[in-house]
Amino acid sequence: MAKVEKVKWDSVKKEKMSDAISRQMIYGEKAMVAKIFLKKGAVVPAHRHESEQLTWIMSGALELTVAGEKIVLKENELLKIPSMVEHAAVALEDTYDVDIFSPIRSDWISGNDAYLRK
């Protein structure tokens, strides 16, 4: 049986990906949640992954390009991105979003996510 675990975000290491992007992440065996902090102008290059992704904007705004379509997400809006669909983002403002993935992003856990690191 899986272990039940209570986690406080304050205890989770904030990882600096670049001068404009940082994140915190918590994950189990099959799901992952990440807090993403993007400074205005930050760019997340086009990429795709096996995981389904839910991106929920807590504050700020992102312009996403998903399968060639531009979508602006603002505070309290959520976008569902299916598995293997190419997507990219630009922060239109300082933005804090929560990303939920299933299955977990093993590339993030291992640090094998060079597209985010600059």
PDB file of N, CA and C in Angstrom:
ATOM      1  N   MET A   1       0.842  -1.187   0.000  1.00  0.00           N
ATOM      2  CA  MET A   1       0.000   0.000   0.000  1.00  0.00           C
ATOM      3  C   MET A   1       0.887   1.250   0.000  1.00  0.00           C
ATOM      4  N   ALA A   2       0.486   2.241  -0.794  1.00  0.00           N
ATOM      5  CA  ALA A   2       1.248   3.481  -0.884  1.00  0.00           C
ATOM      6  C   ALA A   2       1.191   4.242   0.439  1.00  0.00           C
ATOM      7  N   LYS A   3       2.239   4.988   0.692  1.00  0.00           N
ATOM      8  CA  LYS A   3       2.367   5.771   1.920  1.00  0.00           C
ATOM      9  C   LYS A   3       1.625   7.107   1.774  1.00  0.00           C
ATOM     10  N   VAL A   4       0.864   7.469   2.781  1.00  0.00           N
ATOM     11  CA  VAL A   4       0.215   8.776   2.838  1.00  0.00           C
ATOM     12  C   VAL A   4       1.241   9.767   3.366  1.00  0.00           C
ATOM     13  N   GLU A   5       1.319  10.932   2.724  1.00  0.00           N
ATOM     14  CA  GLU A   5       2.340  11.904   3.117  1.00  0.00           C
ATOM     15  C   GLU A   5       1.770  13.315   3.029  1.00  0.00           C
ATOM     16  N   LYS A   6       1.907  14.062   4.104  1.00  0.00           N
ATOM     17  CA  LYS A   6       1.514  15.477   4.131  1.00  0.00           C
ATOM     18  C   LYS A   6       2.756  16.308   3.811  1.00  0.00           C
ATOM     19  N   VAL A   7       2.609  17.254   2.875  1.00  0.00           N
ATOM     20  CA  VAL A   7       3.744  18.078   2.464  1.00  0.00           C
ATOM     21  C   VAL A   7       3.337  19.545   2.516  1.00  0.00           C
ATOM     22  N   LYS A   8       4.209  20.386   3.073  1.00  0.00           N
ATOM     23  CA  LYS A   8       4.004  21.834   3.048  1.00  0.00           C
ATOM     24  C   LYS A   8       4.849  22.405   1.910  1.00  0.00           C
ATOM     25  N   TRP A   9       4.240  23.268   1.085  1.00  0.00           N
ATOM     26  CA  TRP A   9       4.983  23.861  -0.022  1.00  0.00           C
ATOM     27  C   TRP A   9       6.232  24.594   0.478  1.00  0.00           C
ATOM     28  N   ASP A  10       6.162  25.187   1.668  1.00  0.00           N
ATOM     29  CA  ASP A  10       7.313  25.910   2.216  1.00  0.00           C
ATOM     30  C   ASP A  10       8.533  25.018   2.397  1.00  0.00           C
ATOM     31  N   SER A  11       8.318  23.718   2.499  1.00  0.00           N
ATOM     32  CA  SER A  11       9.433  22.785   2.700  1.00  0.00           C
ATOM     33  C   SER A  11       9.994  22.234   1.383  1.00  0.00           C
ATOM     34  N   VAL A  12       9.366  22.585   0.266  1.00  0.00           N
ATOM     35  CA  VAL A  12       9.786  22.065  -1.040  1.00  0.00           C
ATOM     36  C   VAL A  12      10.783  23.024  -1.676  1.00  0.00           C
ATOM     37  N   LYS A  13      11.906  22.491  -2.084  1.00  0.00           N
ATOM     38  CA  LYS A  13      12.965  23.298  -2.703  1.00  0.00           C
ATOM     39  C   LYS A  13      12.450  24.008  -3.954  1.00  0.00           C
ATOM     40  N   LYS A  14      12.775  25.300  -4.071  1.00  0.00           N
ATOM     41  CA  LYS A  14      12.446  26.069  -5.268  1.00  0.00           C
ATOM     42  C   LYS A  14      13.647  25.981  -6.200  1.00  0.00           C
ATOM     43  N   GLU A  15      13.419  25.390  -7.361  1.00  0.00           N
ATOM     44  CA  GLU A  15      14.498  25.147  -8.324  1.00  0.00           C
ATOM     45  C   GLU A  15      14.525  26.255  -9.371  1.00  0.00           C
ATOM     46  N   LYS A  16      15.668  26.905  -9.531  1.00  0.00           N
ATOM     47  CA  LYS A  16      15.822  27.958 -10.534  1.00  0.00           C
ATOM     48  C   LYS A  16      16.204  27.308 -11.861  1.00  0.00           C
ATOM     49  N   MET A  17      15.325  27.430 -12.835  1.00  0.00           N
ATOM     50  CA  MET A  17      15.563  26.839 -14.152  1.00  0.00           C
ATOM     51  C   MET A  17      16.359  27.798 -15.045  1.00  0.00           C
ATOM     52  N   SER A  18      16.066  29.084 -14.910  1.00  0.00           N
ATOM     53  CA  SER A  18      16.721  30.140 -15.685  1.00  0.00           C
ATOM     54  C   SER A  18      16.535  31.430 -14.902  1.00  0.00           C
ATOM     55  N   ASP A  19      16.991  32.536 -15.444  1.00  0.00           N
ATOM     56  CA  ASP A  19      16.780  33.821 -14.780  1.00  0.00           C
ATOM     57  C   ASP A  19      15.298  34.183 -14.704  1.00  0.00           C
ATOM     58  N   ALA A  20      14.471  33.572 -15.569  1.00  0.00           N
ATOM     59  CA  ALA A  20      13.066  33.958 -15.661  1.00  0.00           C
ATOM     60  C   ALA A  20      12.079  32.879 -15.208  1.00  0.00           C
ATOM     61  N   ILE A  21      12.561  31.661 -14.953  1.00  0.00           N
ATOM     62  CA  ILE A  21      11.655  30.558 -14.612  1.00  0.00           C
ATOM     63  C   ILE A  21      12.190  29.793 -13.409  1.00  0.00           C
ATOM     64  N   SER A  22      11.307  29.545 -12.444  1.00  0.00           N
ATOM     65  CA  SER A  22      11.644  28.660 -11.327  1.00  0.00           C
ATOM     66  C   SER A  22      10.426  27.793 -11.033  1.00  0.00           C
ATOM     67  N   ARG A  23      10.643  26.713 -10.255  1.00  0.00           N
ATOM     68  CA  ARG A  23       9.541  25.799  -9.980  1.00  0.00           C
ATOM     69  C   ARG A  23       9.750  25.045  -8.673  1.00  0.00           C
ATOM     70  N   GLN A  24       8.654  24.544  -8.166  1.00  0.00           N
ATOM     71  CA  GLN A  24       8.636  23.591  -7.065  1.00  0.00           C
ATOM     72  C   GLN A  24       7.781  22.429  -7.540  1.00  0.00           C
ATOM     73  N   MET A  25       8.112  21.210  -7.122  1.00  0.00           N
ATOM     74  CA  MET A  25       7.290  20.081  -7.562  1.00  0.00           C
ATOM     75  C   MET A  25       7.173  19.020  -6.480  1.00  0.00           C
ATOM     76  N   ILE A  26       6.014  18.405  -6.471  1.00  0.00           N
ATOM     77  CA  ILE A  26       5.709  17.293  -5.577  1.00  0.00           C
ATOM     78  C   ILE A  26       5.113  16.203  -6.464  1.00  0.00           C
ATOM     79  N   TYR A  27       5.521  14.961  -6.228  1.00  0.00           N
ATOM     80  CA  TYR A  27       5.016  13.888  -7.093  1.00  0.00           C
ATOM     81  C   TYR A  27       4.886  12.590  -6.322  1.00  0.00           C
ATOM     82  N   GLY A  28       4.011  11.766  -6.855  1.00  0.00           N
ATOM     83  CA  GLY A  28       3.816  10.414  -6.342  1.00  0.00           C
ATOM     84  C   GLY A  28       4.225   9.438  -7.423  1.00  0.00           C
ATOM     85  N   GLU A  29       3.602   8.285  -7.427  1.00  0.00           N
ATOM     86  CA  GLU A  29       3.927   7.271  -8.426  1.00  0.00           C
ATOM     87  C   GLU A  29       3.332   7.582  -9.790  1.00  0.00           C
ATOM     88  N   LYS A  30       2.151   8.216  -9.827  1.00  0.00           N
ATOM     89  CA  LYS A  30       1.436   8.390 -11.093  1.00  0.00           C
ATOM     90  C   LYS A  30       1.042   9.822 -11.418  1.00  0.00           C
ATOM     91  N   ALA A  31       1.187  10.737 -10.477  1.00  0.00           N
ATOM     92  CA  ALA A  31       0.785  12.125 -10.708  1.00  0.00           C
ATOM     93  C   ALA A  31       1.815  13.078 -10.121  1.00  0.00           C
ATOM     94  N   MET A  32       1.872  14.266 -10.695  1.00  0.00           N
ATOM     95  CA  MET A  32       2.827  15.292 -10.274  1.00  0.00           C
ATOM     96  C   MET A  32       2.118  16.638 -10.290  1.00  0.00           C
ATOM     97  N   VAL A  33       2.433  17.479  -9.309  1.00  0.00           N
ATOM     98  CA  VAL A  33       1.959  18.855  -9.297  1.00  0.00           C
ATOM     99  C   VAL A  33       3.181  19.760  -9.148  1.00  0.00           C
ATOM    100  N   ALA A  34       3.182  20.848  -9.910  1.00  0.00           N
ATOM    101  CA  ALA A  34       4.314  21.763  -9.869  1.00  0.00           C
ATOM    102  C   ALA A  34       3.809  23.197  -9.814  1.00  0.00           C
ATOM    103  N   LYS A  35       4.444  24.003  -8.968  1.00  0.00           N
ATOM    104  CA  LYS A  35       4.229  25.443  -8.972  1.00  0.00           C
ATOM    105  C   LYS A  35       5.298  26.016  -9.893  1.00  0.00           C
ATOM    106  N   ILE A  36       4.872  26.801 -10.870  1.00  0.00           N
ATOM    107  CA  ILE A  36       5.792  27.388 -11.836  1.00  0.00           C
ATOM    108  C   ILE A  36       5.718  28.908 -11.691  1.00  0.00           C
ATOM    109  N   PHE A  37       6.878  29.534 -11.601  1.00  0.00           N
ATOM    110  CA  PHE A  37       6.976  30.982 -11.469  1.00  0.00           C
ATOM    111  C   PHE A  37       7.711  31.517 -12.697  1.00  0.00           C
ATOM    112  N   LEU A  38       7.045  32.373 -13.471  1.00  0.00           N
ATOM    113  CA  LEU A  38       7.624  32.914 -14.701  1.00  0.00           C
ATOM    114  C   LEU A  38       7.617  34.434 -14.642  1.00  0.00           C
ATOM    115  N   LYS A  39       8.756  35.045 -14.914  1.00  0.00           N
ATOM    116  CA  LYS A  39       8.822  36.499 -15.010  1.00  0.00           C
ATOM    117  C   LYS A  39       8.270  36.913 -16.376  1.00  0.00           C
ATOM    118  N   LYS A  40       7.738  38.121 -16.435  1.00  0.00           N
ATOM    119  CA  LYS A  40       7.207  38.643 -17.697  1.00  0.00           C
ATOM    120  C   LYS A  40       8.260  38.471 -18.790  1.00  0.00           C
ATOM    121  N   GLY A  41       7.833  37.931 -19.924  1.00  0.00           N
ATOM    122  CA  GLY A  41       8.736  37.709 -21.049  1.00  0.00           C
ATOM    123  C   GLY A  41       9.380  36.334 -21.061  1.00  0.00           C
ATOM    124  N   ALA A  42       9.238  35.564 -19.983  1.00  0.00           N
ATOM    125  CA  ALA A  42       9.823  34.218 -19.943  1.00  0.00           C
ATOM    126  C   ALA A  42       9.237  33.365 -21.063  1.00  0.00           C
ATOM    127  N   VAL A  43      10.089  32.538 -21.653  1.00  0.00           N
ATOM    128  CA  VAL A  43       9.675  31.674 -22.760  1.00  0.00           C
ATOM    129  C   VAL A  43       9.877  30.213 -22.380  1.00  0.00           C
ATOM    130  N   VAL A  44       8.836  29.430 -22.577  1.00  0.00           N
ATOM    131  CA  VAL A  44       8.934  27.976 -22.474  1.00  0.00           C
ATOM    132  C   VAL A  44       8.903  27.477 -23.911  1.00  0.00           C
ATOM    133  N   PRO A  45      10.037  26.969 -24.426  1.00  0.00           N
ATOM    134  CA  PRO A  45      10.105  26.551 -25.824  1.00  0.00           C
ATOM    135  C   PRO A  45       9.132  25.408 -26.147  1.00  0.00           C
ATOM    136  N   ALA A  46       8.835  25.260 -27.412  1.00  0.00           N
ATOM    137  CA  ALA A  46       7.944  24.190 -27.870  1.00  0.00           C
ATOM    138  C   ALA A  46       8.504  22.831 -27.450  1.00  0.00           C
ATOM    139  N   HIS A  47       7.615  22.009 -26.939  1.00  0.00           N
ATOM    140  CA  HIS A  47       7.987  20.663 -26.512  1.00  0.00           C
ATOM    141  C   HIS A  47       6.725  19.812 -26.435  1.00  0.00           C
ATOM    142  N   ARG A  48       6.907  18.531 -26.253  1.00  0.00           N
ATOM    143  CA  ARG A  48       5.797  17.598 -26.069  1.00  0.00           C
ATOM    144  C   ARG A  48       6.244  16.510 -25.119  1.00  0.00           C
ATOM    145  N   HIS A  49       5.287  15.852 -24.481  1.00  0.00           N
ATOM    146  CA  HIS A  49       5.611  14.780 -23.540  1.00  0.00           C
ATOM    147  C   HIS A  49       4.426  13.836 -23.419  1.00  0.00           C
ATOM    148  N   GLU A  50       4.708  12.670 -22.900  1.00  0.00           N
ATOM    149  CA  GLU A  50       3.684  11.642 -22.719  1.00  0.00           C
ATOM    150  C   GLU A  50       2.580  12.080 -21.756  1.00  0.00           C
ATOM    151  N   SER A  51       2.938  12.872 -20.771  1.00  0.00           N
ATOM    152  CA  SER A  51       1.991  13.248 -19.713  1.00  0.00           C
ATOM    153  C   SER A  51       0.858  14.127 -20.230  1.00  0.00           C
ATOM    154  N   GLU A  52      -0.356  13.860 -19.741  1.00  0.00           N
ATOM    155  CA  GLU A  52      -1.423  14.829 -19.877  1.00  0.00           C
ATOM    156  C   GLU A  52      -1.061  15.973 -18.933  1.00  0.00           C
ATOM    157  N   GLN A  53      -1.449  17.188 -19.288  1.00  0.00           N
ATOM    158  CA  GLN A  53      -1.083  18.349 -18.477  1.00  0.00           C
ATOM    159  C   GLN A  53      -2.297  19.236 -18.265  1.00  0.00           C
ATOM    160  N   LEU A  54      -2.455  19.681 -17.026  1.00  0.00           N
ATOM    161  CA  LEU A  54      -3.430  20.708 -16.695  1.00  0.00           C
ATOM    162  C   LEU A  54      -2.627  21.919 -16.235  1.00  0.00           C
ATOM    163  N   THR A  55      -2.800  23.048 -16.884  1.00  0.00           N
ATOM    164  CA  THR A  55      -2.120  24.286 -16.495  1.00  0.00           C
ATOM    165  C   THR A  55      -3.163  25.247 -15.958  1.00  0.00           C
ATOM    166  N   TRP A  56      -2.979  25.643 -14.691  1.00  0.00           N
ATOM    167  CA  TRP A  56      -3.955  26.479 -13.979  1.00  0.00           C
ATOM    168  C   TRP A  56      -3.247  27.762 -13.576  1.00  0.00           C
ATOM    169  N   ILE A  57      -3.711  28.893 -14.078  1.00  0.00           N
ATOM    170  CA  ILE A  57      -3.093  30.189 -13.792  1.00  0.00           C
ATOM    171  C   ILE A  57      -3.634  30.733 -12.466  1.00  0.00           C
ATOM    172  N   MET A  58      -2.735  30.897 -11.513  1.00  0.00           N
ATOM    173  CA  MET A  58      -3.102  31.440 -10.210  1.00  0.00           C
ATOM    174  C   MET A  58      -3.037  32.971 -10.227  1.00  0.00           C
ATOM    175  N   SER A  59      -2.041  33.515 -10.931  1.00  0.00           N
ATOM    176  CA  SER A  59      -1.945  34.963 -11.128  1.00  0.00           C
ATOM    177  C   SER A  59      -1.106  35.207 -12.377  1.00  0.00           C
ATOM    178  N   GLY A  60      -1.361  36.347 -13.038  1.00  0.00           N
ATOM    179  CA  GLY A  60      -0.629  36.681 -14.249  1.00  0.00           C
ATOM    180  C   GLY A  60      -1.342  36.178 -15.493  1.00  0.00           C
ATOM    181  N   ALA A  61      -0.572  36.007 -16.573  1.00  0.00           N
ATOM    182  CA  ALA A  61      -1.138  35.562 -17.849  1.00  0.00           C
ATOM    183  C   ALA A  61      -0.056  34.930 -18.706  1.00  0.00           C
ATOM    184  N   LEU A  62      -0.446  33.871 -19.413  1.00  0.00           N
ATOM    185  CA  LEU A  62       0.438  33.196 -20.361  1.00  0.00           C
ATOM    186  C   LEU A  62      -0.207  33.181 -21.732  1.00  0.00           C
ATOM    187  N   GLU A  63       0.616  33.351 -22.766  1.00  0.00           N
ATOM    188  CA  GLU A  63       0.169  33.076 -24.125  1.00  0.00           C
ATOM    189  C   GLU A  63       0.768  31.738 -24.513  1.00  0.00           C
ATOM    190  N   LEU A  64      -0.083  30.755 -24.704  1.00  0.00           N
ATOM    191  CA  LEU A  64       0.369  29.423 -25.095  1.00  0.00           C
ATOM    192  C   LEU A  64       0.116  29.218 -26.576  1.00  0.00           C
ATOM    193  N   THR A  65       0.995  28.467 -27.200  1.00  0.00           N
ATOM    194  CA  THR A  65       0.776  28.001 -28.561  1.00  0.00           C
ATOM    195  C   THR A  65       0.655  26.490 -28.448  1.00  0.00           C
ATOM    196  N   VAL A  66      -0.540  25.981 -28.733  1.00  0.00           N
ATOM    197  CA  VAL A  66      -0.832  24.564 -28.591  1.00  0.00           C
ATOM    198  C   VAL A  66      -1.275  24.030 -29.945  1.00  0.00           C
ATOM    199  N   ALA A  67      -0.470  23.111 -30.491  1.00  0.00           N
ATOM    200  CA  ALA A  67      -0.760  22.546 -31.816  1.00  0.00           C
ATOM    201  C   ALA A  67      -1.004  23.663 -32.834  1.00  0.00           C
ATOM    202  N   GLY A  68      -0.204  24.732 -32.741  1.00  0.00           N
ATOM    203  CA  GLY A  68      -0.281  25.838 -33.687  1.00  0.00           C
ATOM    204  C   GLY A  68      -1.313  26.904 -33.353  1.00  0.00           C
ATOM    205  N   GLU A  69      -2.162  26.684 -32.356  1.00  0.00           N
ATOM    206  CA  GLU A  69      -3.197  27.639 -31.973  1.00  0.00           C
ATOM    207  C   GLU A  69      -2.741  28.473 -30.776  1.00  0.00           C
ATOM    208  N   LYS A  70      -2.888  29.799 -30.866  1.00  0.00           N
ATOM    209  CA  LYS A  70      -2.529  30.687 -29.756  1.00  0.00           C
ATOM    210  C   LYS A  70      -3.711  30.807 -28.792  1.00  0.00           C
ATOM    211  N   ILE A  71      -3.415  30.641 -27.497  1.00  0.00           N
ATOM    212  CA  ILE A  71      -4.431  30.698 -26.456  1.00  0.00           C
ATOM    213  C   ILE A  71      -3.871  31.538 -25.311  1.00  0.00           C
ATOM    214  N   VAL A  72      -4.599  32.560 -24.885  1.00  0.00           N
ATOM    215  CA  VAL A  72      -4.184  33.359 -23.730  1.00  0.00           C
ATOM    216  C   VAL A  72      -4.936  32.840 -22.510  1.00  0.00           C
ATOM    217  N   LEU A  73      -4.172  32.504 -21.479  1.00  0.00           N
ATOM    218  CA  LEU A  73      -4.734  32.033 -20.206  1.00  0.00           C
ATOM    219  C   LEU A  73      -4.472  33.094 -19.157  1.00  0.00           C
ATOM    220  N   LYS A  74      -5.514  33.437 -18.410  1.00  0.00           N
ATOM    221  CA  LYS A  74      -5.398  34.441 -17.358  1.00  0.00           C
ATOM    222  C   LYS A  74      -5.774  33.826 -16.016  1.00  0.00           C
ATOM    223  N   GLU A  75      -5.634  34.627 -14.980  1.00  0.00           N
ATOM    224  CA  GLU A  75      -5.916  34.170 -13.616  1.00  0.00           C
ATOM    225  C   GLU A  75      -7.230  33.406 -13.526  1.00  0.00           C
ATOM    226  N   ASN A  76      -7.173  32.277 -12.833  1.00  0.00           N
ATOM    227  CA  ASN A  76      -8.320  31.411 -12.576  1.00  0.00           C
ATOM    228  C   ASN A  76      -8.831  30.694 -13.823  1.00  0.00           C
ATOM    229  N   GLU A  77      -7.987  30.591 -14.855  1.00  0.00           N
ATOM    230  CA  GLU A  77      -8.327  29.811 -16.041  1.00  0.00           C
ATOM    231  C   GLU A  77      -7.402  28.601 -16.104  1.00  0.00           C
ATOM    232  N   LEU A  78      -7.902  27.535 -16.695  1.00  0.00           N
ATOM    233  CA  LEU A  78      -7.169  26.273 -16.765  1.00  0.00           C
ATOM    234  C   LEU A  78      -7.205  25.755 -18.197  1.00  0.00           C
ATOM    235  N   LEU A  79      -6.092  25.170 -18.623  1.00  0.00           N
ATOM    236  CA  LEU A  79      -5.998  24.588 -19.955  1.00  0.00           C
ATOM    237  C   LEU A  79      -5.630  23.118 -19.824  1.00  0.00           C
ATOM    238  N   LYS A  80      -6.357  22.263 -20.520  1.00  0.00           N
ATOM    239  CA  LYS A  80      -6.064  20.832 -20.573  1.00  0.00           C
ATOM    240  C   LYS A  80      -5.274  20.571 -21.845  1.00  0.00           C
ATOM    241  N   ILE A  81      -4.077  19.997 -21.701  1.00  0.00           N
ATOM    242  CA  ILE A  81      -3.221  19.684 -22.848  1.00  0.00           C
ATOM    243  C   ILE A  81      -3.067  18.164 -22.915  1.00  0.00           C
ATOM    244  N   PRO A  82      -3.563  17.538 -23.983  1.00  0.00           N
ATOM    245  CA  PRO A  82      -3.463  16.083 -24.101  1.00  0.00           C
ATOM    246  C   PRO A  82      -2.012  15.600 -24.276  1.00  0.00           C
ATOM    247  N   SER A  83      -1.831  14.339 -24.042  1.00  0.00           N
ATOM    248  CA  SER A  83      -0.534  13.685 -24.226  1.00  0.00           C
ATOM    249  C   SER A  83      -0.005  13.900 -25.643  1.00  0.00           C
ATOM    250  N   MET A  84       1.288  14.166 -25.747  1.00  0.00           N
ATOM    251  CA  MET A  84       2.042  14.269 -27.004  1.00  0.00           C
ATOM    252  C   MET A  84       1.647  15.434 -27.913  1.00  0.00           C
ATOM    253  N   VAL A  85       0.904  16.410 -27.395  1.00  0.00           N
ATOM    254  CA  VAL A  85       0.547  17.600 -28.173  1.00  0.00           C
ATOM    255  C   VAL A  85       1.615  18.666 -27.936  1.00  0.00           C
ATOM    256  N   GLU A  86       2.206  19.171 -29.025  1.00  0.00           N
ATOM    257  CA  GLU A  86       3.258  20.186 -28.892  1.00  0.00           C
ATOM    258  C   GLU A  86       2.666  21.475 -28.332  1.00  0.00           C
ATOM    259  N   HIS A  87       3.423  22.088 -27.393  1.00  0.00           N
ATOM    260  CA  HIS A  87       2.987  23.349 -26.800  1.00  0.00           C
ATOM    261  C   HIS A  87       4.188  24.172 -26.359  1.00  0.00           C
ATOM    262  N   ALA A  88       3.968  25.486 -26.298  1.00  0.00           N
ATOM    263  CA  ALA A  88       4.992  26.453 -25.883  1.00  0.00           C
ATOM    264  C   ALA A  88       4.256  27.570 -25.144  1.00  0.00           C
ATOM    265  N   ALA A  89       5.004  28.411 -24.439  1.00  0.00           N
ATOM    266  CA  ALA A  89       4.362  29.502 -23.700  1.00  0.00           C
ATOM    267  C   ALA A  89       5.278  30.709 -23.593  1.00  0.00           C
ATOM    268  N   VAL A  90       4.655  31.878 -23.474  1.00  0.00           N
ATOM    269  CA  VAL A  90       5.340  33.141 -23.187  1.00  0.00           C
ATOM    270  C   VAL A  90       4.559  33.819 -22.069  1.00  0.00           C
ATOM    271  N   ALA A  91       5.260  34.286 -21.036  1.00  0.00           N
ATOM    272  CA  ALA A  91       4.607  34.985 -19.933  1.00  0.00           C
ATOM    273  C   ALA A  91       4.315  36.423 -20.345  1.00  0.00           C
ATOM    274  N   LEU A  92       3.046  36.784 -20.375  1.00  0.00           N
ATOM    275  CA  LEU A  92       2.635  38.146 -20.725  1.00  0.00           C
ATOM    276  C   LEU A  92       2.779  39.085 -19.537  1.00  0.00           C
ATOM    277  N   GLU A  93       2.812  38.507 -18.331  1.00  0.00           N
ATOM    278  CA  GLU A  93       2.984  39.229 -17.072  1.00  0.00           C
ATOM    279  C   GLU A  93       3.799  38.313 -16.164  1.00  0.00           C
ATOM    280  N   ASP A  94       4.235  38.822 -15.022  1.00  0.00           N
ATOM    281  CA  ASP A  94       4.779  37.915 -14.012  1.00  0.00           C
ATOM    282  C   ASP A  94       3.655  36.929 -13.702  1.00  0.00           C
ATOM    283  N   THR A  95       3.961  35.646 -13.776  1.00  0.00           N
ATOM    284  CA  THR A  95       2.906  34.624 -13.704  1.00  0.00           C
ATOM    285  C   THR A  95       3.274  33.522 -12.728  1.00  0.00           C
ATOM    286  N   TYR A  96       2.264  33.070 -11.987  1.00  0.00           N
ATOM    287  CA  TYR A  96       2.381  31.915 -11.107  1.00  0.00           C
ATOM    288  C   TYR A  96       1.322  30.930 -11.577  1.00  0.00           C
ATOM    289  N   ASP A  97       1.760  29.752 -11.997  1.00  0.00           N
ATOM    290  CA  ASP A  97       0.789  28.748 -12.408  1.00  0.00           C
ATOM    291  C   ASP A  97       1.058  27.428 -11.711  1.00  0.00           C
ATOM    292  N   VAL A  98       0.037  26.609 -11.683  1.00  0.00           N
ATOM    293  CA  VAL A  98       0.143  25.266 -11.143  1.00  0.00           C
ATOM    294  C   VAL A  98      -0.061  24.308 -12.308  1.00  0.00           C
ATOM    295  N   ASP A  99       0.910  23.422 -12.517  1.00  0.00           N
ATOM    296  CA  ASP A  99       0.809  22.405 -13.560  1.00  0.00           C
ATOM    297  C   ASP A  99       0.631  21.047 -12.900  1.00  0.00           C
ATOM    298  N   ILE A 100      -0.300  20.278 -13.420  1.00  0.00           N
ATOM    299  CA  ILE A 100      -0.561  18.928 -12.927  1.00  0.00           C
ATOM    300  C   ILE A 100      -0.308  17.974 -14.086  1.00  0.00           C
ATOM    301  N   PHE A 101       0.456  16.905 -13.825  1.00  0.00           N
ATOM    302  CA  PHE A 101       0.828  15.945 -14.859  1.00  0.00           C
ATOM    303  C   PHE A 101       0.488  14.525 -14.433  1.00  0.00           C
ATOM    304  N   SER A 102       0.057  13.740 -15.403  1.00  0.00           N
ATOM    305  CA  SER A 102      -0.077  12.298 -15.198  1.00  0.00           C
ATOM    306  C   SER A 102       0.194  11.620 -16.539  1.00  0.00           C
ATOM    307  N   PRO A 103       1.126  10.685 -16.616  1.00  0.00           N
ATOM    308  CA  PRO A 103       2.014  10.258 -15.540  1.00  0.00           C
ATOM    309  C   PRO A 103       3.031  11.347 -15.181  1.00  0.00           C
ATOM    310  N   ILE A 104       3.831  11.065 -14.150  1.00  0.00           N
ATOM    311  CA  ILE A 104       4.825  12.034 -13.695  1.00  0.00           C
ATOM    312  C   ILE A 104       5.838  12.333 -14.789  1.00  0.00           C
ATOM    313  N   ARG A 105       6.463  13.498 -14.702  1.00  0.00           N
ATOM    314  CA  ARG A 105       7.494  13.916 -15.653  1.00  0.00           C
ATOM    315  C   ARG A 105       8.849  13.441 -15.131  1.00  0.00           C
ATOM    316  N   SER A 106       9.256  12.257 -15.525  1.00  0.00           N
ATOM    317  CA  SER A 106      10.531  11.713 -15.051  1.00  0.00           C
ATOM    318  C   SER A 106      11.706  12.566 -15.530  1.00  0.00           C
ATOM    319  N   ASP A 107      11.553  13.266 -16.680  1.00  0.00           N
ATOM    320  CA  ASP A 107      12.621  14.153 -17.157  1.00  0.00           C
ATOM    321  C   ASP A 107      12.825  15.316 -16.185  1.00  0.00           C
ATOM    322  N   TRP A 108      11.774  15.797 -15.549  1.00  0.00           N
ATOM    323  CA  TRP A 108      11.905  16.868 -14.563  1.00  0.00           C
ATOM    324  C   TRP A 108      12.588  16.352 -13.304  1.00  0.00           C
ATOM    325  N   ILE A 109      12.215  15.168 -12.882  1.00  0.00           N
ATOM    326  CA  ILE A 109      12.790  14.602 -11.653  1.00  0.00           C
ATOM    327  C   ILE A 109      14.279  14.345 -11.828  1.00  0.00           C
ATOM    328  N   SER A 110      14.678  13.843 -13.000  1.00  0.00           N
ATOM    329  CA  SER A 110      16.088  13.515 -13.249  1.00  0.00           C
ATOM    330  C   SER A 110      16.916  14.748 -13.644  1.00  0.00           C
ATOM    331  N   GLY A 111      16.254  15.876 -13.964  1.00  0.00           N
ATOM    332  CA  GLY A 111      16.975  17.068 -14.412  1.00  0.00           C
ATOM    333  C   GLY A 111      17.312  17.016 -15.897  1.00  0.00           C
ATOM    334  N   ASN A 112      16.674  16.100 -16.618  1.00  0.00           N
ATOM    335  CA  ASN A 112      16.914  15.910 -18.049  1.00  0.00           C
ATOM    336  C   ASN A 112      15.900  16.731 -18.856  1.00  0.00           C
ATOM    337  N   ASP A 113      15.781  18.014 -18.513  1.00  0.00           N
ATOM    338  CA  ASP A 113      14.803  18.910 -19.123  1.00  0.00           C
ATOM    339  C   ASP A 113      15.496  20.180 -19.614  1.00  0.00           C
ATOM    340  N   ALA A 114      16.479  19.978 -20.467  1.00  0.00           N
ATOM    341  CA  ALA A 114      17.324  21.088 -20.944  1.00  0.00           C
ATOM    342  C   ALA A 114      16.541  22.198 -21.630  1.00  0.00           C
ATOM    343  N   TYR A 115      15.392  21.887 -22.213  1.00  0.00           N
ATOM    344  CA  TYR A 115      14.625  22.916 -22.904  1.00  0.00           C
ATOM    345  C   TYR A 115      14.196  24.034 -21.954  1.00  0.00           C
ATOM    346  N   LEU A 116      14.138  23.772 -20.642  1.00  0.00           N
ATOM    347  CA  LEU A 116      13.751  24.784 -19.653  1.00  0.00           C
ATOM    348  C   LEU A 116      14.958  25.477 -19.018  1.00  0.00           C
ATOM    349  N   ARG A 117      16.118  24.892 -19.140  1.00  0.00           N
ATOM    350  CA  ARG A 117      17.306  25.392 -18.431  1.00  0.00           C
ATOM    351  C   ARG A 117      18.140  26.271 -19.366  1.00  0.00           C
ATOM    352  N   LYS A 118      18.499  27.447 -18.866  1.00  0.00           N
ATOM    353  CA  LYS A 118      19.299  28.354 -19.710  1.00  0.00           C
ATOM    354  C   LYS A 118      20.438  28.905 -18.889  1.00  0.00           C
TER     355      LYS A 118
END
